[in-house]
Protein backbone atom coordinates (compact mmCIF):
# COMPACT_ATOMS: atom_id res chain seq x y z
CA MET A 1 14.64 -0.77 5.47
CA LYS A 2 15.59 -3.90 3.85
CA GLY A 3 13.62 -7.03 3.35
CA MET A 4 10.40 -8.39 2.14
CA LEU A 5 7.02 -7.39 2.97
CA ASP A 6 5.18 -9.42 5.78
CA PHE A 7 1.85 -10.23 4.14
CA ASP A 8 0.39 -12.05 7.19
CA THR A 9 0.81 -8.32 8.68
CA LEU A 10 -0.55 -6.71 5.91
CA ASN A 11 -3.51 -8.92 5.29
CA LYS A 12 -4.35 -8.42 9.03
CA LEU A 13 -4.51 -4.60 9.07
CA LEU A 14 -5.06 -3.29 5.33
CA PRO A 15 -8.26 -5.07 4.26
CA ARG A 16 -9.92 -3.37 7.40
CA VAL A 17 -8.44 0.56 6.75
CA VAL A 18 -9.65 -0.13 3.15
CA ILE A 19 -13.34 -1.36 3.90
CA GLU A 20 -13.52 1.67 6.27
CA LYS A 21 -12.26 4.35 3.76
CA ASN A 22 -13.97 2.93 0.62
CA CYS A 23 -10.48 3.28 -1.09
CA LYS A 24 -8.28 1.21 -3.18
CA ILE A 25 -4.40 0.22 -2.46
CA TRP A 26 -1.93 -1.41 -4.47
CA ILE A 27 1.69 -2.32 -3.32
CA CYS A 28 3.97 -2.79 -6.11
CA GLU A 29 7.61 -3.91 -5.98
CA LYS A 30 10.25 -2.21 -8.20
CA VAL A 31 12.02 -4.79 -10.35
CA GLY A 32 14.47 -2.69 -12.20
CA LYS A 33 12.48 0.26 -14.11
CA ARG A 34 9.14 -1.77 -14.10
CA LEU A 35 6.76 -2.43 -11.04
CA SER A 36 5.02 -5.67 -10.19
CA CYS A 37 1.85 -5.79 -8.47
CA ILE A 38 2.28 -7.96 -5.67
CA ALA A 39 -0.80 -6.69 -3.39
CA LYS A 40 -4.12 -5.27 -3.88
CA TYR A 41 -6.87 -4.26 -1.45
CA GLY A 42 -10.24 -2.43 -2.07
CA GLU A 43 -12.37 -1.94 -4.75
CA GLU A 44 -11.54 -0.21 -8.05
CA HIS A 45 -12.73 3.80 -8.45
CA TYR A 46 -12.77 5.87 -11.35
CA CYS A 47 -10.69 8.58 -9.67
CA GLU A 48 -7.22 9.81 -9.68
CA THR A 49 -4.47 7.30 -8.56
CA ARG A 50 -1.64 8.70 -6.17
CA ILE A 51 1.53 7.49 -4.83
CA ILE A 52 1.26 7.47 -0.93
CA TYR A 53 4.77 5.89 -0.35
CA GLU A 54 8.01 4.92 -2.35
CA ASP A 55 11.28 3.68 -1.09
CA GLU A 56 14.21 1.74 -2.79
CA LYS A 57 11.99 -1.45 -3.09
CA TYR A 58 8.11 -0.90 -3.04
CA VAL A 59 5.59 1.81 -4.32
CA VAL A 60 2.15 2.03 -2.80
CA PHE A 61 -0.64 3.67 -4.88
CA SER A 62 -4.11 4.60 -3.56
CA GLN A 63 -7.50 5.66 -4.91
CA ASN A 64 -10.15 7.57 -3.52
CA LEU A 65 -7.83 7.99 0.08
CA ASN A 66 -7.72 11.94 0.66
CA ASP A 67 -7.26 11.35 4.26
CA GLU A 68 -3.76 12.36 5.23
CA GLN A 69 -4.12 10.79 8.50
CA THR A 70 -4.96 7.47 6.95
CA GLN A 71 -2.50 7.70 4.14
CA LYS A 72 0.25 8.03 7.04
CA GLN A 73 -1.48 4.86 8.96
CA ILE A 74 -0.95 2.95 5.86
CA VAL A 75 2.52 3.80 5.40
CA GLU A 76 3.21 2.83 8.98
CA VAL A 77 1.57 -0.36 8.52
CA ILE A 78 3.76 -1.16 5.54
CA LYS A 79 7.15 -0.03 7.04
CA SER A 80 6.14 -2.28 10.00
CA ALA A 81 5.61 -5.38 7.80
CA ARG A 82 8.95 -5.12 6.40
CA LYS A 83 10.98 -8.20 7.43
CA GLY A 84 14.80 -8.38 7.72
């Protein structure tokens, strides 16, 4: 799973899920030992933040998202948005 993310795909699919589930999602790119936030969807919540996906290049965090099926759906959207 190499390549950059296709933000057109993400911007079409993730905002709808975030609104329906009232959650927040951050997509971060790994830059050495650091993380750089490259996309955010949803409103901030004062609750626990979880990692719902991580690979060699990206980490995806969520807040207020306890539905495992939705987490899997978001991960599939992100995997499908990989170019190259």
